[in-house]
C-alpha atoms as a PDB file:
ATOM      1  CA  MET A   1      -4.558  -2.433  10.384  1.00  0.00           C
ATOM      2  CA  ASN A   2      -5.163  -5.706  12.215  1.00  0.00           C
ATOM      3  CA  SER A   3      -6.280  -9.314  11.809  1.00  0.00           C
ATOM      4  CA  GLN A   4      -9.877  -8.627  12.772  1.00  0.00           C
ATOM      5  CA  ARG A   5     -10.292  -5.963  10.090  1.00  0.00           C
ATOM      6  CA  SER A   6      -8.492  -8.054   7.470  1.00  0.00           C
ATOM      7  CA  THR A   7     -10.755 -11.010   8.220  1.00  0.00           C
ATOM      8  CA  GLN A   8     -13.727  -8.726   7.488  1.00  0.00           C
ATOM      9  CA  VAL A   9     -12.067  -7.505   4.272  1.00  0.00           C
ATOM     10  CA  LEU A  10     -11.437 -11.085   3.146  1.00  0.00           C
ATOM     11  CA  ALA A  11     -15.057 -12.010   3.843  1.00  0.00           C
ATOM     12  CA  GLU A  12     -16.190  -9.123   1.647  1.00  0.00           C
ATOM     13  CA  ILE A  13     -13.740 -10.103  -1.112  1.00  0.00           C
ATOM     14  CA  HIS A  14     -15.075 -13.679  -1.027  1.00  0.00           C
ATOM     15  CA  ARG A  15     -18.659 -12.373  -1.128  1.00  0.00           C
ATOM     16  CA  ILE A  16     -17.970 -10.165  -4.155  1.00  0.00           C
ATOM     17  CA  ALA A  17     -15.696 -12.630  -5.978  1.00  0.00           C
ATOM     18  CA  PRO A  18     -16.660 -16.115  -4.816  1.00  0.00           C
ATOM     19  CA  GLY A  19     -14.177 -18.826  -5.642  1.00  0.00           C
ATOM     20  CA  LYS A  20     -11.429 -16.365  -6.557  1.00  0.00           C
ATOM     21  CA  PRO A  21      -8.488 -16.534  -4.171  1.00  0.00           C
ATOM     22  CA  VAL A  22      -6.453 -13.560  -3.061  1.00  0.00           C
ATOM     23  CA  ARG A  23      -3.115 -14.479  -4.587  1.00  0.00           C
ATOM     24  CA  GLN A  24      -1.033 -11.424  -3.727  1.00  0.00           C
ATOM     25  CA  VAL A  25      -1.101  -8.584  -1.226  1.00  0.00           C
ATOM     26  CA  VAL A  26       1.099  -5.524  -1.659  1.00  0.00           C
ATOM     27  CA  SER A  27       2.545  -3.878   1.417  1.00  0.00           C
ATOM     28  CA  THR A  28       3.885  -0.446   0.438  1.00  0.00           C
ATOM     29  CA  HIS A  29       6.177  -0.114   3.457  1.00  0.00           C
ATOM     30  CA  PHE A  30       6.939  -1.480   6.907  1.00  0.00           C
ATOM     31  CA  HIS A  31       4.840   0.756   9.203  1.00  0.00           C
ATOM     32  CA  SER A  32       2.474  -1.121  11.494  1.00  0.00           C
ATOM     33  CA  ASP A  33      -0.718   0.238   9.924  1.00  0.00           C
ATOM     34  CA  HIS A  34       0.445  -1.204   6.586  1.00  0.00           C
ATOM     35  CA  ILE A  35       1.448  -4.671   7.763  1.00  0.00           C
ATOM     36  CA  GLY A  36      -0.645  -5.245  10.894  1.00  0.00           C
ATOM     37  CA  GLY A  37      -3.454  -6.982   9.015  1.00  0.00           C
ATOM     38  CA  LEU A  38      -1.412  -9.422   6.947  1.00  0.00           C
ATOM     39  CA  ARG A  39      -1.899 -12.520   9.105  1.00  0.00           C
ATOM     40  CA  PRO A  40      -5.292 -13.591   7.637  1.00  0.00           C
ATOM     41  CA  PHE A  41      -3.940 -13.137   4.105  1.00  0.00           C
ATOM     42  CA  ILE A  42      -0.894 -15.263   4.970  1.00  0.00           C
ATOM     43  CA  ALA A  43      -3.223 -17.885   6.465  1.00  0.00           C
ATOM     44  CA  GLU A  44      -5.097 -18.040   3.142  1.00  0.00           C
ATOM     45  CA  GLY A  45      -1.844 -18.549   1.236  1.00  0.00           C
ATOM     46  CA  ALA A  46      -1.489 -15.107  -0.342  1.00  0.00           C
ATOM     47  CA  THR A  47       1.993 -14.009  -1.335  1.00  0.00           C
ATOM     48  CA  ILE A  48       3.066 -10.748   0.259  1.00  0.00           C
ATOM     49  CA  VAL A  49       4.933  -8.439  -2.127  1.00  0.00           C
ATOM     50  CA  THR A  50       6.911  -5.723  -0.384  1.00  0.00           C
ATOM     51  CA  THR A  51      10.249  -4.035   0.331  1.00  0.00           C
ATOM     52  CA  PRO A  52      13.291  -5.654   2.039  1.00  0.00           C
ATOM     53  CA  THR A  53      12.756  -3.875   5.371  1.00  0.00           C
ATOM     54  CA  ALA A  54       9.052  -4.707   5.387  1.00  0.00           C
ATOM     55  CA  ARG A  55       9.851  -8.349   4.654  1.00  0.00           C
ATOM     56  CA  GLN A  56      12.054  -8.558   7.725  1.00  0.00           C
ATOM     57  CA  VAL A  57       9.487  -6.805   9.937  1.00  0.00           C
ATOM     58  CA  ILE A  58       6.712  -9.074   8.654  1.00  0.00           C
ATOM     59  CA  GLN A  59       8.770 -12.186   9.384  1.00  0.00           C
ATOM     60  CA  ASP A  60       9.965 -11.019  12.814  1.00  0.00           C
ATOM     61  CA  PHE A  61       6.933  -9.300  14.268  1.00  0.00           C
ATOM     62  CA  VAL A  62       3.792 -10.014  12.261  1.00  0.00           C
ATOM     63  CA  VAL A  63       4.319 -13.742  11.841  1.00  0.00           C
ATOM     64  CA  LYS A  64       6.599 -14.783  14.707  1.00  0.00           C
ATOM     65  CA  GLY A  65       5.545 -12.155  17.236  1.00  0.00           C
ATOM     66  CA  THR A  66       3.583 -13.288  20.244  1.00  0.00           C
ATOM     67  CA  ARG A  67      -0.182 -13.113  19.921  1.00  0.00           C
ATOM     68  CA  THR A  68      -2.019 -12.815  23.222  1.00  0.00           C
ATOM     69  CA  ARG A  69      -5.242 -10.882  22.546  1.00  0.00           C
ATOM     70  CA  THR A  70      -6.996 -12.995  19.942  1.00  0.00           C
ATOM     71  CA  ILE A  71      -6.529 -16.260  18.159  1.00  0.00           C
ATOM     72  CA  ASP A  72      -6.629 -15.388  14.473  1.00  0.00           C
ATOM     73  CA  THR A  73      -6.675 -17.609  11.400  1.00  0.00           C
ATOM     74  CA  LEU A  74      -2.883 -17.826  11.199  1.00  0.00           C
ATOM     75  CA  ALA A  75      -2.651 -18.860  14.852  1.00  0.00           C
ATOM     76  CA  LYS A  76      -5.265 -21.581  14.205  1.00  0.00           C
ATOM     77  CA  ALA A  77      -3.464 -22.886  11.119  1.00  0.00           C
ATOM     78  CA  PRO A  78       0.168 -21.729  11.208  1.00  0.00           C
ATOM     79  CA  ARG A  79       2.119 -21.516   7.982  1.00  0.00           C
ATOM     80  CA  GLU A  80       5.251 -19.781   6.815  1.00  0.00           C
ATOM     81  CA  PRO A  81       4.592 -16.616   4.872  1.00  0.00           C
ATOM     82  CA  VAL A  82       5.516 -16.359   1.226  1.00  0.00           C
ATOM     83  CA  ILE A  83       7.140 -12.952   0.881  1.00  0.00           C
ATOM     84  CA  GLU A  84       8.550 -11.637  -2.369  1.00  0.00           C
ATOM     85  CA  LEU A  85      10.452  -8.435  -2.960  1.00  0.00           C
ATOM     86  CA  ALA A  86       9.034  -6.040  -5.508  1.00  0.00           C
ATOM     87  CA  GLY A  87      12.404  -4.663  -6.588  1.00  0.00           C
ATOM     88  CA  ALA A  88      12.725  -1.393  -8.504  1.00  0.00           C
ATOM     89  CA  LYS A  89       9.751  -2.246 -10.711  1.00  0.00           C
ATOM     90  CA  ARG A  90       7.520  -5.277 -10.737  1.00  0.00           C
ATOM     91  CA  VAL A  91       4.689  -5.826 -13.176  1.00  0.00           C
ATOM     92  CA  LEU A  92       1.582  -7.775 -12.194  1.00  0.00           C
ATOM     93  CA  GLY A  93      -1.637  -8.378 -14.040  1.00  0.00           C
ATOM     94  CA  ASP A  94      -3.004 -10.135 -17.073  1.00  0.00           C
ATOM     95  CA  ALA A  95      -3.895  -9.339 -20.672  1.00  0.00           C
ATOM     96  CA  ASN A  96      -6.581  -6.883 -19.565  1.00  0.00           C
ATOM     97  CA  HIS A  97      -5.008  -5.156 -16.565  1.00  0.00           C
ATOM     98  CA  ARG A  98      -1.452  -4.036 -15.899  1.00  0.00           C
ATOM     99  CA  ILE A  99      -0.263  -3.096 -12.435  1.00  0.00           C
ATOM    100  CA  GLU A 100       3.222  -1.773 -11.738  1.00  0.00           C
ATOM    101  CA  LEU A 101       4.814  -1.779  -8.307  1.00  0.00           C
ATOM    102  CA  LEU A 102       7.350   1.040  -8.312  1.00  0.00           C
ATOM    103  CA  ASP A 103      10.048   1.610  -5.722  1.00  0.00           C
ATOM    104  CA  VAL A 104      10.023   5.332  -4.893  1.00  0.00           C
ATOM    105  CA  SER A 105      12.663   5.038  -2.184  1.00  0.00           C
ATOM    106  CA  PRO A 106      13.968   6.835  -0.380  1.00  0.00           C
ATOM    107  CA  ASN A 107      11.159   9.094   0.715  1.00  0.00           C
ATOM    108  CA  PRO A 108      11.117  11.190   3.891  1.00  0.00           C
ATOM    109  CA  HIS A 109       8.171   9.085   5.085  1.00  0.00           C
ATOM    110  CA  ALA A 110      10.061   5.783   4.912  1.00  0.00           C
ATOM    111  CA  ALA A 111      13.503   4.759   3.733  1.00  0.00           C
ATOM    112  CA  GLU A 112      11.896   2.013   1.623  1.00  0.00           C
ATOM    113  CA  ILE A 113       8.492   2.643   0.098  1.00  0.00           C
ATOM    114  CA  MET A 114       6.658   1.826  -3.092  1.00  0.00           C
ATOM    115  CA  VAL A 115       3.579   2.939  -4.982  1.00  0.00           C
ATOM    116  CA  VAL A 116       1.158   0.964  -7.125  1.00  0.00           C
ATOM    117  CA  TRP A 117       0.637   2.358 -10.631  1.00  0.00           C
ATOM    118  CA  PHE A 118      -2.299   1.360 -12.825  1.00  0.00           C
ATOM    119  CA  PRO A 119      -1.203   2.792 -16.206  1.00  0.00           C
ATOM    120  CA  GLY A 120      -4.395   1.901 -18.096  1.00  0.00           C
ATOM    121  CA  GLU A 121      -6.510   3.719 -15.541  1.00  0.00           C
ATOM    122  CA  ARG A 122      -3.882   6.440 -14.944  1.00  0.00           C
ATOM    123  CA  LEU A 123      -4.358   5.789 -11.232  1.00  0.00           C
ATOM    124  CA  LEU A 124      -1.687   5.883  -8.515  1.00  0.00           C
ATOM    125  CA  PHE A 125      -2.159   4.170  -5.142  1.00  0.00           C
ATOM    126  CA  GLU A 126       0.194   5.462  -2.462  1.00  0.00           C
ATOM    127  CA  GLY A 127       0.722   4.910   1.234  1.00  0.00           C
ATOM    128  CA  ASP A 128       1.238   7.936   3.475  1.00  0.00           C
ATOM    129  CA  MET A 129       2.975  10.399   1.169  1.00  0.00           C
ATOM    130  CA  LEU A 130      -0.131  12.418   0.289  1.00  0.00           C
ATOM    131  CA  ASP A 131      -3.003  12.740   2.712  1.00  0.00           C
ATOM    132  CA  LEU A 132      -5.667  14.862   1.055  1.00  0.00           C
ATOM    133  CA  LEU A 133      -7.838  16.178   3.808  1.00  0.00           C
ATOM    134  CA  VAL A 134     -11.312  17.640   3.909  1.00  0.00           C
ATOM    135  CA  PRO A 135     -12.459  20.216   2.937  1.00  0.00           C
ATOM    136  CA  GLU A 136     -11.727  19.661  -0.726  1.00  0.00           C
ATOM    137  CA  ASP A 137     -11.513  23.375  -1.527  1.00  0.00           C
ATOM    138  CA  ARG A 138      -8.362  23.830   0.562  1.00  0.00           C
ATOM    139  CA  PRO A 139      -5.222  21.834  -0.194  1.00  0.00           C
ATOM    140  CA  SER A 140      -3.455  19.939   2.548  1.00  0.00           C
ATOM    141  CA  MET A 141      -0.243  21.296   4.016  1.00  0.00           C
ATOM    142  CA  PRO A 142       2.588  19.607   2.109  1.00  0.00           C
ATOM    143  CA  GLY A 143       5.320  17.758   3.894  1.00  0.00           C
ATOM    144  CA  ASP A 144       8.702  16.730   2.565  1.00  0.00           C
ATOM    145  CA  ASP A 145       7.211  13.314   1.731  1.00  0.00           C
ATOM    146  CA  THR A 146       4.507  14.931  -0.434  1.00  0.00           C
ATOM    147  CA  ARG A 147       7.042  17.091  -2.261  1.00  0.00           C
ATOM    148  CA  ALA A 148       9.211  14.004  -2.876  1.00  0.00           C
ATOM    149  CA  LEU A 149       6.194  12.105  -4.225  1.00  0.00           C
ATOM    150  CA  ALA A 150       5.423  14.912  -6.685  1.00  0.00           C
ATOM    151  CA  LYS A 151       9.046  14.956  -7.875  1.00  0.00           C
ATOM    152  CA  THR A 152       9.057  11.176  -8.260  1.00  0.00           C
ATOM    153  CA  ILE A 153       5.863  11.198 -10.325  1.00  0.00           C
ATOM    154  CA  ALA A 154       7.404  13.787 -12.633  1.00  0.00           C
ATOM    155  CA  LYS A 155      10.753  11.961 -12.810  1.00  0.00           C
ATOM    156  CA  LEU A 156       9.071   8.660 -13.696  1.00  0.00           C
ATOM    157  CA  GLY A 157       6.861  10.389 -16.260  1.00  0.00           C
ATOM    158  CA  LEU A 158       3.653   8.971 -14.798  1.00  0.00           C
ATOM    159  CA  ASP A 159       0.594  10.473 -16.469  1.00  0.00           C
ATOM    160  CA  VAL A 160      -1.477  10.411 -13.281  1.00  0.00           C
ATOM    161  CA  ASP A 161      -5.132  11.413 -13.302  1.00  0.00           C
ATOM    162  CA  LYS A 162      -6.219  10.015  -9.939  1.00  0.00           C
ATOM    163  CA  ILE A 163      -4.313   9.441  -6.698  1.00  0.00           C
ATOM    164  CA  ILE A 164      -5.718   7.039  -4.121  1.00  0.00           C
ATOM    165  CA  PRO A 165      -4.061   7.483  -0.727  1.00  0.00           C
ATOM    166  CA  VAL A 166      -4.218   4.915   2.048  1.00  0.00           C
ATOM    167  CA  HIS A 167      -5.318   7.696   4.402  1.00  0.00           C
ATOM    168  CA  GLY A 168      -7.424  10.646   3.335  1.00  0.00           C
ATOM    169  CA  ARG A 169      -9.608  11.168   0.314  1.00  0.00           C
ATOM    170  CA  PRO A 170      -8.842  10.328  -3.302  1.00  0.00           C
ATOM    171  CA  GLY A 171      -7.546  13.221  -5.343  1.00  0.00           C
ATOM    172  CA  THR A 172      -6.162  14.280  -8.670  1.00  0.00           C
ATOM    173  CA  ARG A 173      -2.774  15.329  -9.989  1.00  0.00           C
ATOM    174  CA  ALA A 174      -4.059  18.910  -9.733  1.00  0.00           C
ATOM    175  CA  ASP A 175      -4.777  18.343  -6.018  1.00  0.00           C
ATOM    176  CA  LEU A 176      -1.196  17.168  -5.562  1.00  0.00           C
ATOM    177  CA  GLU A 177       0.145  20.190  -7.417  1.00  0.00           C
ATOM    178  CA  ARG A 178      -2.016  22.585  -5.357  1.00  0.00           C
ATOM    179  CA  THR A 179      -0.819  20.897  -2.184  1.00  0.00           C
ATOM    180  CA  VAL A 180       2.854  21.151  -3.164  1.00  0.00           C
ATOM    181  CA  ALA A 181       2.357  24.812  -4.158  1.00  0.00           C
ATOM    182  CA  ARG A 182       0.892  25.684  -0.758  1.00  0.00           C
ATOM    183  CA  THR A 183       3.377  27.781   1.175  1.00  0.00           C
ATOM    184  CA  ASP A 184       1.458  29.229   4.154  1.00  0.00           C
ATOM    185  CA  ARG A 185       2.438  27.653   7.440  1.00  0.00           C
END
């Protein structure tokens, strides 16, 4: 969301995994709540992996934009961001963990957007296409973005067990299917 929150997140990461740098940060799309906290990660030297539109927004507004409220870590030690494009599919990880960044564009939520797929865990991380709300016994009202996400999962043949949304509660493939099936308005 913002530099202050990201600084807190980085402190927690360093507490849990001392001596292990954050090497990459994935930004699923260009909306402000998905790129607003990148400055501390850039200051630490992390590579931002994202979409073409997000790259331009990050360069123009997140990095070069005027900062007047607070002096964050990037303002104290300016550096150019390292931004890489994910492309249609980008694989990250090591011998024990595989992570796939998948372009699911276009989606009604954003013209360029990607998801993060953890095939070994059968877990999908997504930003803003499925917001599972409380209570758990009633599915959310589906939007066009949710329907498009469900179609994309099927088209890609992802054997998803768990879906972790940026906003809302974690859910299952069955939660997604119940949400898409909901027709009352």
